[in-house]
């Protein structure tokens, strides 16, 4: 039976959990996730688990932050003047906003704190700094 290797298009069902057991994502009730191994379409640690699996095989694996969404970086947390926000945006804690950078790229940020004059924004991925656990079943190698 063939085993998944770089360059293969694979289909997997998965459930991703935090260390406390909280599910943050799952393909349950949806079509399997399809991606090409070795092309960086999913996090490195997830790819590494799938390489070498055979269709029908199931695995559970921990993926450390370094091979997931990276460490949490304090320099990606910034405080900005509330006056910099357009009048139609009333920032609220927990809100996700898309911010356009001077070079034209846009990034997603989360509002962490709001005061009278300042807004604290966090550009870290919500799962940065976290060890993740995945239950993966390889459904097909295309």
N, C-alpha and C. Protein backbone atom coordinates (compact mmCIF):
# COMPACT_ATOMS: atom_id res chain seq x y z
N UNK A 1 0.86 -1.19 0.00
CA UNK A 1 0.00 0.00 0.00
C UNK A 1 0.90 1.24 0.00
N UNK A 2 0.52 2.23 -0.78
CA UNK A 2 1.34 3.44 -0.88
C UNK A 2 1.24 4.29 0.38
N UNK A 3 2.31 5.03 0.64
CA UNK A 3 2.35 5.93 1.78
C UNK A 3 2.53 7.36 1.26
N UNK A 4 1.95 8.31 1.99
CA UNK A 4 1.98 9.71 1.58
C UNK A 4 3.42 10.25 1.61
N UNK A 5 3.78 10.98 0.54
CA UNK A 5 5.10 11.59 0.44
C UNK A 5 4.97 12.99 -0.16
N UNK A 6 6.04 13.78 -0.03
CA UNK A 6 6.02 15.13 -0.58
C UNK A 6 5.65 15.10 -2.06
N UNK A 7 4.80 16.04 -2.46
CA UNK A 7 4.31 16.12 -3.83
C UNK A 7 2.96 15.46 -4.01
N UNK A 8 2.56 14.58 -3.08
CA UNK A 8 1.25 13.92 -3.18
C UNK A 8 0.13 14.87 -2.77
N UNK A 9 -0.98 14.77 -3.47
CA UNK A 9 -2.20 15.46 -3.05
C UNK A 9 -2.92 14.49 -2.13
N UNK A 10 -3.18 14.93 -0.91
CA UNK A 10 -3.80 14.05 0.09
C UNK A 10 -5.12 14.64 0.55
N UNK A 11 -5.98 13.77 1.06
CA UNK A 11 -7.23 14.18 1.69
C UNK A 11 -7.24 13.59 3.09
N UNK A 12 -7.47 14.45 4.09
CA UNK A 12 -7.47 14.00 5.47
C UNK A 12 -8.68 14.54 6.22
N UNK A 13 -9.14 13.75 7.17
CA UNK A 13 -10.08 14.25 8.17
C UNK A 13 -9.25 14.50 9.41
N UNK A 14 -9.60 15.55 10.14
CA UNK A 14 -8.79 15.91 11.30
C UNK A 14 -9.65 16.61 12.36
N UNK A 15 -9.14 16.57 13.57
CA UNK A 15 -9.65 17.39 14.67
C UNK A 15 -8.44 18.00 15.35
N UNK A 16 -8.46 19.31 15.51
CA UNK A 16 -7.38 20.00 16.19
C UNK A 16 -7.84 20.46 17.56
N UNK A 17 -7.00 20.16 18.59
CA UNK A 17 -7.36 20.52 19.96
C UNK A 17 -6.21 21.28 20.62
N UNK A 18 -6.57 22.09 21.61
CA UNK A 18 -5.58 22.72 22.48
C UNK A 18 -5.20 21.71 23.56
N UNK A 19 -4.18 22.03 24.33
CA UNK A 19 -3.73 21.09 25.37
C UNK A 19 -4.80 20.80 26.41
N UNK A 20 -5.74 21.74 26.61
CA UNK A 20 -6.81 21.51 27.59
C UNK A 20 -7.99 20.72 27.02
N UNK A 21 -7.85 20.27 25.74
CA UNK A 21 -8.89 19.47 25.10
C UNK A 21 -9.90 20.26 24.30
N UNK A 22 -9.82 21.59 24.33
CA UNK A 22 -10.74 22.43 23.56
C UNK A 22 -10.49 22.25 22.07
N UNK A 23 -11.55 21.93 21.31
CA UNK A 23 -11.44 21.77 19.86
C UNK A 23 -11.44 23.15 19.22
N UNK A 24 -10.39 23.44 18.42
CA UNK A 24 -10.33 24.73 17.73
C UNK A 24 -10.67 24.61 16.25
N UNK A 25 -10.62 23.39 15.70
CA UNK A 25 -11.01 23.20 14.30
C UNK A 25 -11.19 21.70 14.05
N UNK A 26 -12.07 21.39 13.09
CA UNK A 26 -12.32 20.00 12.74
C UNK A 26 -12.93 19.93 11.35
N UNK A 27 -12.64 18.84 10.65
CA UNK A 27 -13.27 18.62 9.35
C UNK A 27 -14.55 17.79 9.51
N UNK A 28 -14.90 17.45 10.73
CA UNK A 28 -16.10 16.65 10.99
C UNK A 28 -17.32 17.32 10.39
N UNK A 29 -18.09 16.56 9.63
CA UNK A 29 -19.29 17.10 9.00
C UNK A 29 -19.01 17.86 7.72
N UNK A 30 -17.75 17.89 7.30
CA UNK A 30 -17.37 18.58 6.06
C UNK A 30 -16.59 17.60 5.19
N UNK A 31 -16.28 18.05 3.98
CA UNK A 31 -15.40 17.26 3.12
C UNK A 31 -14.02 17.20 3.76
N UNK A 32 -13.24 16.16 3.47
CA UNK A 32 -11.88 16.11 4.00
C UNK A 32 -11.07 17.31 3.49
N UNK A 33 -10.05 17.69 4.27
CA UNK A 33 -9.12 18.74 3.86
C UNK A 33 -8.21 18.16 2.79
N UNK A 34 -8.07 18.87 1.67
CA UNK A 34 -7.21 18.42 0.57
C UNK A 34 -6.06 19.40 0.42
N UNK A 35 -4.84 18.89 0.36
CA UNK A 35 -3.67 19.74 0.16
C UNK A 35 -2.53 18.92 -0.43
N UNK A 36 -1.51 19.61 -0.93
CA UNK A 36 -0.34 18.96 -1.51
C UNK A 36 0.78 18.98 -0.49
N UNK A 37 1.29 17.80 -0.15
CA UNK A 37 2.38 17.70 0.81
C UNK A 37 3.63 18.39 0.28
N UNK A 38 4.28 19.15 1.15
CA UNK A 38 5.53 19.81 0.80
C UNK A 38 5.37 21.20 0.23
N UNK A 39 4.14 21.68 0.06
CA UNK A 39 3.94 23.00 -0.54
C UNK A 39 3.59 24.07 0.49
N UNK A 40 3.62 23.73 1.77
CA UNK A 40 3.38 24.72 2.81
C UNK A 40 1.95 25.22 2.88
N UNK A 41 1.00 24.43 2.43
CA UNK A 41 -0.41 24.83 2.46
C UNK A 41 -1.03 24.66 3.84
N UNK A 42 -0.40 23.85 4.68
CA UNK A 42 -0.82 23.66 6.07
C UNK A 42 0.42 23.82 6.94
N UNK A 43 0.22 23.91 8.25
CA UNK A 43 1.37 24.10 9.13
C UNK A 43 2.35 22.92 9.02
N UNK A 44 3.62 23.21 9.23
CA UNK A 44 4.70 22.22 9.08
C UNK A 44 4.46 20.96 9.89
N UNK A 45 4.11 21.11 11.15
CA UNK A 45 3.91 19.96 12.02
C UNK A 45 2.79 19.05 11.55
N UNK A 46 1.74 19.61 10.98
CA UNK A 46 0.62 18.82 10.45
C UNK A 46 1.11 18.00 9.26
N UNK A 47 1.84 18.66 8.34
CA UNK A 47 2.40 17.95 7.17
C UNK A 47 3.28 16.79 7.61
N UNK A 48 4.14 17.04 8.60
CA UNK A 48 5.07 16.01 9.05
C UNK A 48 4.34 14.78 9.59
N UNK A 49 3.19 14.96 10.20
CA UNK A 49 2.41 13.82 10.70
C UNK A 49 1.87 13.00 9.53
N UNK A 50 1.41 13.68 8.48
CA UNK A 50 0.76 12.99 7.35
C UNK A 50 1.78 12.22 6.50
N UNK A 51 3.01 12.76 6.35
CA UNK A 51 4.02 12.07 5.55
C UNK A 51 4.27 10.68 6.14
N UNK A 52 4.18 9.67 5.28
CA UNK A 52 4.41 8.29 5.71
C UNK A 52 3.14 7.54 6.09
N UNK A 53 2.01 8.25 6.16
CA UNK A 53 0.74 7.57 6.48
C UNK A 53 0.20 6.86 5.24
N UNK A 54 -0.55 5.80 5.47
CA UNK A 54 -1.22 5.07 4.40
C UNK A 54 -2.71 5.39 4.45
N UNK A 55 -3.41 5.31 3.31
CA UNK A 55 -4.85 5.57 3.32
C UNK A 55 -5.57 4.71 4.36
N UNK A 56 -6.46 5.35 5.14
CA UNK A 56 -7.19 4.67 6.20
C UNK A 56 -6.52 4.74 7.56
N UNK A 57 -5.22 5.06 7.57
CA UNK A 57 -4.48 5.11 8.83
C UNK A 57 -4.89 6.34 9.65
N UNK A 58 -4.90 6.15 10.98
CA UNK A 58 -5.21 7.24 11.91
C UNK A 58 -4.00 7.48 12.81
N UNK A 59 -3.77 8.75 13.14
CA UNK A 59 -2.70 9.11 14.06
C UNK A 59 -3.17 10.26 14.95
N UNK A 60 -2.63 10.29 16.16
CA UNK A 60 -2.79 11.42 17.06
C UNK A 60 -1.40 11.94 17.34
N UNK A 61 -1.20 13.24 17.19
CA UNK A 61 0.14 13.80 17.39
C UNK A 61 0.08 15.20 17.98
N UNK A 62 1.07 15.49 18.82
CA UNK A 62 1.23 16.84 19.35
C UNK A 62 2.13 17.62 18.40
N UNK A 63 1.78 18.88 18.17
CA UNK A 63 2.59 19.75 17.34
C UNK A 63 2.96 20.96 18.19
N UNK A 64 4.26 21.11 18.44
CA UNK A 64 4.75 22.24 19.24
C UNK A 64 4.56 23.54 18.47
N UNK A 65 4.49 24.64 19.20
CA UNK A 65 4.25 25.97 18.61
C UNK A 65 5.20 26.28 17.46
N UNK A 66 6.47 25.89 17.59
CA UNK A 66 7.47 26.20 16.57
C UNK A 66 7.11 25.59 15.21
N UNK A 67 6.38 24.47 15.21
CA UNK A 67 5.99 23.82 13.95
C UNK A 67 4.50 24.04 13.66
N UNK A 68 3.91 24.94 14.42
CA UNK A 68 2.49 25.27 14.22
C UNK A 68 2.42 26.74 13.78
N UNK A 69 2.00 27.62 14.67
CA UNK A 69 1.86 29.03 14.32
C UNK A 69 2.95 29.90 14.92
N UNK A 70 4.02 29.26 15.38
CA UNK A 70 5.17 29.98 15.90
C UNK A 70 4.96 30.48 17.32
N UNK A 71 6.03 31.03 17.88
CA UNK A 71 5.92 31.57 19.23
C UNK A 71 5.10 32.85 19.23
N UNK A 72 4.57 33.18 20.37
CA UNK A 72 3.87 34.45 20.54
C UNK A 72 4.93 35.54 20.64
N UNK A 73 4.80 36.57 19.81
CA UNK A 73 5.81 37.63 19.78
C UNK A 73 5.23 38.94 20.30
N UNK A 74 5.82 39.45 21.37
CA UNK A 74 5.33 40.66 22.01
C UNK A 74 5.42 41.87 21.08
N UNK A 75 6.41 41.88 20.16
CA UNK A 75 6.54 43.02 19.24
C UNK A 75 5.38 43.11 18.26
N UNK A 76 4.54 42.09 18.21
CA UNK A 76 3.37 42.12 17.33
C UNK A 76 2.13 42.66 18.05
N UNK A 77 2.32 43.11 19.30
CA UNK A 77 1.27 43.75 20.06
C UNK A 77 1.60 45.24 20.10
N UNK A 78 0.70 46.07 19.58
CA UNK A 78 0.96 47.51 19.51
C UNK A 78 -0.22 48.29 20.07
N UNK A 79 0.12 49.47 20.57
CA UNK A 79 -0.90 50.38 21.07
C UNK A 79 -0.98 51.53 20.07
N UNK A 80 -2.19 51.84 19.61
CA UNK A 80 -2.38 52.93 18.65
C UNK A 80 -3.38 53.93 19.20
N UNK A 81 -3.27 55.13 18.68
CA UNK A 81 -4.18 56.20 19.07
C UNK A 81 -5.57 55.89 18.52
N UNK A 82 -6.57 55.98 19.35
CA UNK A 82 -7.95 55.68 18.94
C UNK A 82 -8.40 56.58 17.79
N UNK A 83 -7.82 57.77 17.69
CA UNK A 83 -8.18 58.72 16.63
C UNK A 83 -7.77 58.21 15.24
N UNK A 84 -6.89 57.21 15.18
CA UNK A 84 -6.45 56.66 13.90
C UNK A 84 -7.51 55.76 13.26
N UNK A 85 -8.52 55.40 14.02
CA UNK A 85 -9.57 54.53 13.49
C UNK A 85 -10.59 55.37 12.72
N UNK A 86 -11.07 54.86 11.59
CA UNK A 86 -12.14 55.56 10.87
C UNK A 86 -13.37 55.72 11.76
N UNK A 87 -14.13 56.75 11.54
CA UNK A 87 -15.30 57.05 12.36
C UNK A 87 -16.34 55.95 12.41
N UNK A 88 -16.38 55.10 11.37
CA UNK A 88 -17.39 54.04 11.32
C UNK A 88 -16.96 52.78 12.07
N UNK A 89 -15.75 52.79 12.66
CA UNK A 89 -15.29 51.62 13.41
C UNK A 89 -15.18 52.00 14.88
N UNK A 90 -15.93 51.25 15.69
CA UNK A 90 -15.89 51.42 17.14
C UNK A 90 -15.21 50.18 17.71
N UNK A 91 -13.88 50.22 17.92
CA UNK A 91 -13.17 49.00 18.33
C UNK A 91 -13.68 48.44 19.66
N UNK A 92 -13.86 47.11 19.67
CA UNK A 92 -14.33 46.39 20.85
C UNK A 92 -13.36 45.25 21.14
N UNK A 93 -13.10 44.97 22.41
CA UNK A 93 -12.21 43.87 22.80
C UNK A 93 -12.71 42.56 22.17
N UNK A 94 -11.76 41.83 21.57
CA UNK A 94 -12.09 40.56 20.92
C UNK A 94 -12.41 40.69 19.44
N UNK A 95 -12.62 41.90 18.98
CA UNK A 95 -12.96 42.15 17.58
C UNK A 95 -11.74 41.87 16.69
N UNK A 96 -11.98 41.29 15.51
CA UNK A 96 -10.93 41.04 14.53
C UNK A 96 -11.05 42.08 13.44
N UNK A 97 -9.94 42.71 13.11
CA UNK A 97 -9.92 43.75 12.09
C UNK A 97 -8.83 43.46 11.07
N UNK A 98 -9.06 43.89 9.85
CA UNK A 98 -8.04 43.79 8.81
C UNK A 98 -7.42 45.18 8.67
N UNK A 99 -6.11 45.25 8.85
CA UNK A 99 -5.40 46.52 8.81
C UNK A 99 -4.49 46.53 7.59
N UNK A 100 -4.55 47.60 6.82
CA UNK A 100 -3.67 47.73 5.66
C UNK A 100 -2.39 48.42 6.12
N UNK A 101 -1.24 47.79 5.80
CA UNK A 101 0.05 48.34 6.17
C UNK A 101 0.53 49.32 5.11
N UNK A 102 1.53 50.16 5.44
CA UNK A 102 2.02 51.16 4.48
C UNK A 102 2.46 50.56 3.14
N UNK A 103 3.02 49.35 3.15
CA UNK A 103 3.47 48.71 1.91
C UNK A 103 2.30 48.17 1.08
N UNK A 104 1.07 48.24 1.63
CA UNK A 104 -0.10 47.78 0.89
C UNK A 104 -0.61 46.43 1.33
N UNK A 105 0.22 45.65 2.06
CA UNK A 105 -0.22 44.35 2.57
C UNK A 105 -1.26 44.58 3.66
N UNK A 106 -2.12 43.59 3.85
CA UNK A 106 -3.06 43.69 4.96
C UNK A 106 -2.82 42.53 5.92
N UNK A 107 -3.06 42.80 7.20
CA UNK A 107 -2.89 41.78 8.23
C UNK A 107 -4.12 41.78 9.12
N UNK A 108 -4.40 40.62 9.71
CA UNK A 108 -5.49 40.50 10.65
C UNK A 108 -4.96 40.79 12.05
N UNK A 109 -5.72 41.58 12.81
CA UNK A 109 -5.35 41.88 14.19
C UNK A 109 -6.57 41.65 15.08
N UNK A 110 -6.29 41.43 16.35
CA UNK A 110 -7.35 41.28 17.34
C UNK A 110 -7.25 42.45 18.31
N UNK A 111 -8.39 43.06 18.61
CA UNK A 111 -8.42 44.15 19.59
C UNK A 111 -8.31 43.51 20.98
N UNK A 112 -7.25 43.89 21.72
CA UNK A 112 -6.99 43.30 23.04
C UNK A 112 -7.47 44.20 24.17
N UNK A 113 -7.42 45.52 23.95
CA UNK A 113 -7.80 46.45 25.00
C UNK A 113 -8.22 47.77 24.36
N UNK A 114 -9.18 48.44 24.97
CA UNK A 114 -9.65 49.74 24.49
C UNK A 114 -9.77 50.67 25.68
N UNK A 115 -9.13 51.84 25.58
CA UNK A 115 -9.28 52.86 26.61
C UNK A 115 -9.86 54.10 25.94
N UNK A 116 -9.97 55.19 26.68
CA UNK A 116 -10.50 56.44 26.13
C UNK A 116 -9.70 56.88 24.91
N UNK A 117 -8.35 56.78 25.00
CA UNK A 117 -7.49 57.34 23.95
C UNK A 117 -6.74 56.30 23.13
N UNK A 118 -6.58 55.07 23.64
CA UNK A 118 -5.73 54.08 22.97
C UNK A 118 -6.45 52.77 22.72
N UNK A 119 -5.95 52.05 21.69
CA UNK A 119 -6.44 50.71 21.37
C UNK A 119 -5.22 49.81 21.26
N UNK A 120 -5.25 48.67 21.95
CA UNK A 120 -4.16 47.70 21.87
C UNK A 120 -4.55 46.63 20.86
N UNK A 121 -3.69 46.43 19.85
CA UNK A 121 -3.94 45.46 18.78
C UNK A 121 -2.88 44.36 18.82
N UNK A 122 -3.29 43.14 18.56
CA UNK A 122 -2.41 41.98 18.56
C UNK A 122 -2.44 41.34 17.18
N UNK A 123 -1.28 41.31 16.50
CA UNK A 123 -1.19 40.73 15.16
C UNK A 123 -0.70 39.27 15.19
N UNK A 124 -0.49 38.71 16.39
CA UNK A 124 -0.14 37.30 16.49
C UNK A 124 -1.32 36.45 16.03
N UNK A 125 -1.04 35.29 15.42
CA UNK A 125 -2.10 34.34 15.10
C UNK A 125 -2.72 33.92 16.44
N UNK A 126 -4.04 33.74 16.51
CA UNK A 126 -4.67 33.34 17.78
C UNK A 126 -4.09 32.06 18.40
N UNK A 127 -3.49 31.19 17.58
CA UNK A 127 -2.92 29.95 18.10
C UNK A 127 -1.40 30.03 18.29
N UNK A 128 -0.81 31.21 18.09
CA UNK A 128 0.64 31.37 18.28
C UNK A 128 1.01 31.06 19.73
N UNK A 129 2.13 30.37 19.89
CA UNK A 129 2.62 30.04 21.22
C UNK A 129 1.96 28.83 21.85
N UNK A 130 1.06 28.18 21.14
CA UNK A 130 0.32 27.05 21.71
C UNK A 130 0.78 25.72 21.10
N UNK A 131 0.84 24.70 21.96
CA UNK A 131 1.05 23.33 21.50
C UNK A 131 -0.32 22.80 21.09
N UNK A 132 -0.39 22.21 19.91
CA UNK A 132 -1.65 21.72 19.37
C UNK A 132 -1.62 20.20 19.30
N UNK A 133 -2.80 19.59 19.40
CA UNK A 133 -2.90 18.14 19.23
C UNK A 133 -3.87 17.87 18.09
N UNK A 134 -3.44 17.02 17.17
CA UNK A 134 -4.28 16.68 16.03
C UNK A 134 -4.58 15.19 16.00
N UNK A 135 -5.84 14.87 15.72
CA UNK A 135 -6.25 13.51 15.38
C UNK A 135 -6.45 13.55 13.87
N UNK A 136 -5.67 12.75 13.16
CA UNK A 136 -5.67 12.80 11.70
C UNK A 136 -5.96 11.41 11.14
N UNK A 137 -6.83 11.37 10.12
CA UNK A 137 -7.05 10.12 9.37
C UNK A 137 -6.82 10.44 7.90
N UNK A 138 -5.86 9.73 7.30
CA UNK A 138 -5.60 9.90 5.86
C UNK A 138 -6.68 9.15 5.10
N UNK A 139 -7.44 9.89 4.32
CA UNK A 139 -8.55 9.30 3.57
C UNK A 139 -8.11 8.81 2.19
N UNK A 140 -7.22 9.61 1.52
CA UNK A 140 -6.89 9.28 0.14
C UNK A 140 -5.59 9.97 -0.25
N UNK A 141 -4.84 9.32 -1.14
CA UNK A 141 -3.68 9.91 -1.79
C UNK A 141 -4.03 10.02 -3.26
N UNK A 142 -4.03 11.25 -3.80
CA UNK A 142 -4.48 11.46 -5.18
C UNK A 142 -3.35 11.42 -6.17
